[in-house]
N, C-alpha and C. Protein backbone atom coordinates (compact mmCIF):
# COMPACT_ATOMS: atom_id res chain seq x y z
N UNK A 1 -3.80 10.15 4.28
CA UNK A 1 -3.46 10.35 2.88
C UNK A 1 -2.44 9.30 2.48
N UNK A 2 -2.64 8.68 1.35
CA UNK A 2 -1.75 7.63 0.87
C UNK A 2 -0.55 8.24 0.16
N UNK A 3 0.57 7.60 0.32
CA UNK A 3 1.79 8.02 -0.34
C UNK A 3 2.11 7.01 -1.45
N UNK A 4 1.08 6.37 -1.97
CA UNK A 4 1.23 5.30 -2.94
C UNK A 4 2.06 5.72 -4.14
N UNK A 5 2.84 4.79 -4.62
CA UNK A 5 3.64 4.99 -5.81
C UNK A 5 3.58 3.70 -6.61
N UNK A 6 4.19 3.65 -7.76
CA UNK A 6 4.16 2.45 -8.57
C UNK A 6 4.78 1.29 -7.79
N UNK A 7 4.05 0.18 -7.65
CA UNK A 7 4.62 -0.97 -6.93
C UNK A 7 5.90 -1.46 -7.59
N UNK A 8 6.82 -1.88 -6.78
CA UNK A 8 8.12 -2.35 -7.25
C UNK A 8 8.47 -3.64 -6.53
N UNK A 9 9.13 -4.55 -7.24
CA UNK A 9 9.60 -5.78 -6.59
C UNK A 9 10.86 -5.52 -5.76
N UNK A 10 11.42 -4.34 -5.89
CA UNK A 10 12.55 -3.92 -5.06
C UNK A 10 12.01 -2.90 -4.07
N UNK A 11 12.28 -3.10 -2.79
CA UNK A 11 11.74 -2.22 -1.76
C UNK A 11 12.27 -0.80 -1.92
N UNK A 12 11.37 0.15 -1.78
CA UNK A 12 11.76 1.56 -1.76
C UNK A 12 12.42 1.90 -0.43
N UNK A 13 11.85 1.37 0.64
CA UNK A 13 12.34 1.66 1.99
C UNK A 13 11.80 0.61 2.95
N UNK A 14 12.46 0.44 4.08
CA UNK A 14 11.95 -0.45 5.13
C UNK A 14 11.87 0.31 6.45
N UNK A 15 11.81 1.64 6.40
CA UNK A 15 11.90 2.42 7.63
C UNK A 15 10.57 2.84 8.25
N UNK A 16 9.44 2.46 7.66
CA UNK A 16 8.14 2.82 8.22
C UNK A 16 7.24 1.59 8.23
N UNK A 17 7.04 0.97 9.40
CA UNK A 17 6.25 -0.26 9.46
C UNK A 17 4.77 -0.05 9.13
N UNK A 18 4.33 1.18 9.01
CA UNK A 18 2.94 1.46 8.67
C UNK A 18 2.71 1.60 7.17
N UNK A 19 3.77 1.41 6.39
CA UNK A 19 3.68 1.49 4.93
C UNK A 19 4.32 0.26 4.30
N UNK A 20 3.75 -0.17 3.18
CA UNK A 20 4.36 -1.26 2.43
C UNK A 20 5.67 -0.76 1.83
N UNK A 21 6.77 -1.48 2.01
CA UNK A 21 8.05 -1.01 1.47
C UNK A 21 8.13 -1.11 -0.05
N UNK A 22 7.19 -1.83 -0.67
CA UNK A 22 7.24 -2.05 -2.12
C UNK A 22 6.37 -1.07 -2.92
N UNK A 23 5.37 -0.46 -2.29
CA UNK A 23 4.53 0.52 -3.01
C UNK A 23 4.25 1.76 -2.16
N UNK A 24 4.62 1.72 -0.90
CA UNK A 24 4.46 2.81 0.05
C UNK A 24 3.01 3.08 0.45
N UNK A 25 2.09 2.16 0.12
CA UNK A 25 0.70 2.30 0.58
C UNK A 25 0.65 2.21 2.10
N UNK A 26 -0.27 2.97 2.69
CA UNK A 26 -0.50 2.86 4.13
C UNK A 26 -1.13 1.51 4.42
N UNK A 27 -0.72 0.88 5.51
CA UNK A 27 -1.25 -0.42 5.91
C UNK A 27 -2.25 -0.24 7.04
N UNK A 28 -3.23 -1.14 7.11
CA UNK A 28 -4.21 -1.09 8.20
C UNK A 28 -3.50 -1.25 9.55
N UNK A 29 -2.52 -2.11 9.61
CA UNK A 29 -1.62 -2.24 10.75
C UNK A 29 -0.35 -2.91 10.26
N UNK A 30 0.76 -2.77 10.99
CA UNK A 30 2.03 -3.26 10.49
C UNK A 30 2.16 -4.79 10.44
N UNK A 31 1.34 -5.53 11.13
CA UNK A 31 1.45 -6.99 11.13
C UNK A 31 0.51 -7.63 10.13
N UNK A 32 -0.71 -7.90 10.58
CA UNK A 32 -1.68 -8.57 9.71
C UNK A 32 -2.08 -7.69 8.53
N UNK A 33 -1.98 -6.39 8.66
CA UNK A 33 -2.28 -5.49 7.55
C UNK A 33 -1.30 -5.68 6.40
N UNK A 34 -0.04 -5.94 6.73
CA UNK A 34 0.97 -6.18 5.69
C UNK A 34 0.68 -7.50 4.97
N UNK A 35 0.34 -8.53 5.75
CA UNK A 35 0.03 -9.84 5.16
C UNK A 35 -1.20 -9.72 4.25
N UNK A 36 -2.23 -9.03 4.70
CA UNK A 36 -3.43 -8.83 3.88
C UNK A 36 -3.09 -8.05 2.61
N UNK A 37 -2.24 -7.05 2.73
CA UNK A 37 -1.83 -6.26 1.57
C UNK A 37 -1.11 -7.14 0.54
N UNK A 38 -0.24 -8.03 1.01
CA UNK A 38 0.47 -8.92 0.09
C UNK A 38 -0.51 -9.81 -0.67
N UNK A 39 -1.58 -10.23 -0.01
CA UNK A 39 -2.60 -11.04 -0.67
C UNK A 39 -3.32 -10.27 -1.78
N UNK A 40 -3.35 -8.95 -1.67
CA UNK A 40 -4.06 -8.10 -2.63
C UNK A 40 -3.14 -7.52 -3.71
N UNK A 41 -1.85 -7.58 -3.51
CA UNK A 41 -0.91 -6.95 -4.44
C UNK A 41 0.14 -7.95 -4.92
N UNK A 42 -0.03 -8.51 -6.11
CA UNK A 42 0.92 -9.51 -6.62
C UNK A 42 2.35 -8.98 -6.75
N UNK A 43 2.51 -7.71 -7.14
CA UNK A 43 3.86 -7.16 -7.28
C UNK A 43 4.55 -7.09 -5.92
N UNK A 44 3.83 -6.60 -4.91
CA UNK A 44 4.41 -6.50 -3.57
C UNK A 44 4.70 -7.90 -3.02
N UNK A 45 3.83 -8.87 -3.28
CA UNK A 45 4.04 -10.25 -2.83
C UNK A 45 5.30 -10.83 -3.44
N UNK A 46 5.49 -10.63 -4.75
CA UNK A 46 6.71 -11.14 -5.40
C UNK A 46 7.94 -10.47 -4.80
N UNK A 47 7.86 -9.18 -4.55
CA UNK A 47 8.99 -8.48 -3.93
C UNK A 47 9.31 -9.03 -2.56
N UNK A 48 8.28 -9.26 -1.75
CA UNK A 48 8.50 -9.80 -0.41
C UNK A 48 9.07 -11.22 -0.49
N UNK A 49 8.53 -12.04 -1.39
CA UNK A 49 9.03 -13.41 -1.54
C UNK A 49 10.50 -13.42 -1.95
N UNK A 50 10.87 -12.52 -2.86
CA UNK A 50 12.28 -12.40 -3.27
C UNK A 50 13.14 -11.97 -2.10
N UNK A 51 12.67 -10.98 -1.34
CA UNK A 51 13.41 -10.50 -0.17
C UNK A 51 13.60 -11.63 0.84
N UNK A 52 12.53 -12.37 1.12
CA UNK A 52 12.60 -13.45 2.11
C UNK A 52 13.55 -14.55 1.65
N UNK A 53 13.53 -14.89 0.38
CA UNK A 53 14.45 -15.89 -0.15
C UNK A 53 15.90 -15.43 0.00
N UNK A 54 16.15 -14.17 -0.29
CA UNK A 54 17.50 -13.62 -0.16
C UNK A 54 17.97 -13.68 1.29
N UNK A 55 17.11 -13.31 2.22
CA UNK A 55 17.46 -13.35 3.64
C UNK A 55 17.72 -14.80 4.06
N UNK A 56 16.85 -15.72 3.64
CA UNK A 56 17.02 -17.13 4.00
C UNK A 56 18.33 -17.67 3.45
N UNK A 57 18.70 -17.26 2.24
CA UNK A 57 19.96 -17.73 1.65
C UNK A 57 21.17 -17.15 2.35
N UNK A 58 21.01 -15.98 2.97
CA UNK A 58 22.11 -15.34 3.68
C UNK A 58 22.33 -15.92 5.07
N UNK A 59 21.32 -16.62 5.59
CA UNK A 59 21.40 -17.17 6.94
C UNK A 59 21.61 -18.69 6.86
N UNK A 60 22.20 -19.25 7.88
CA UNK A 60 22.36 -20.69 7.94
C UNK A 60 21.02 -21.34 8.26
N UNK A 61 20.64 -22.31 7.49
CA UNK A 61 19.37 -22.97 7.73
C UNK A 61 18.21 -22.09 7.27
N UNK A 62 17.02 -22.50 7.60
CA UNK A 62 15.82 -21.75 7.20
C UNK A 62 15.45 -20.74 8.26
N UNK A 63 15.02 -19.59 7.82
CA UNK A 63 14.56 -18.52 8.70
C UNK A 63 13.14 -18.85 9.12
N UNK A 64 12.86 -18.82 10.40
CA UNK A 64 11.53 -19.20 10.90
C UNK A 64 10.54 -18.04 10.92
N UNK A 65 11.01 -16.82 10.78
CA UNK A 65 10.11 -15.67 10.89
C UNK A 65 9.86 -15.08 9.60
């Protein structure tokens, strides 16, 4: 059963790797399933890109992961 909610560019939570933190949809798997989900959901992709930019700006140099 999906726990889907309105997608948000701000993460609802990061505590369940089996769900997208931006819309809470269940993922096929926590790795490639998340990447595939981002390709299908522009709002979640923008949220992840913003999150990644913020993390990269908080760290010295570029984050490789």
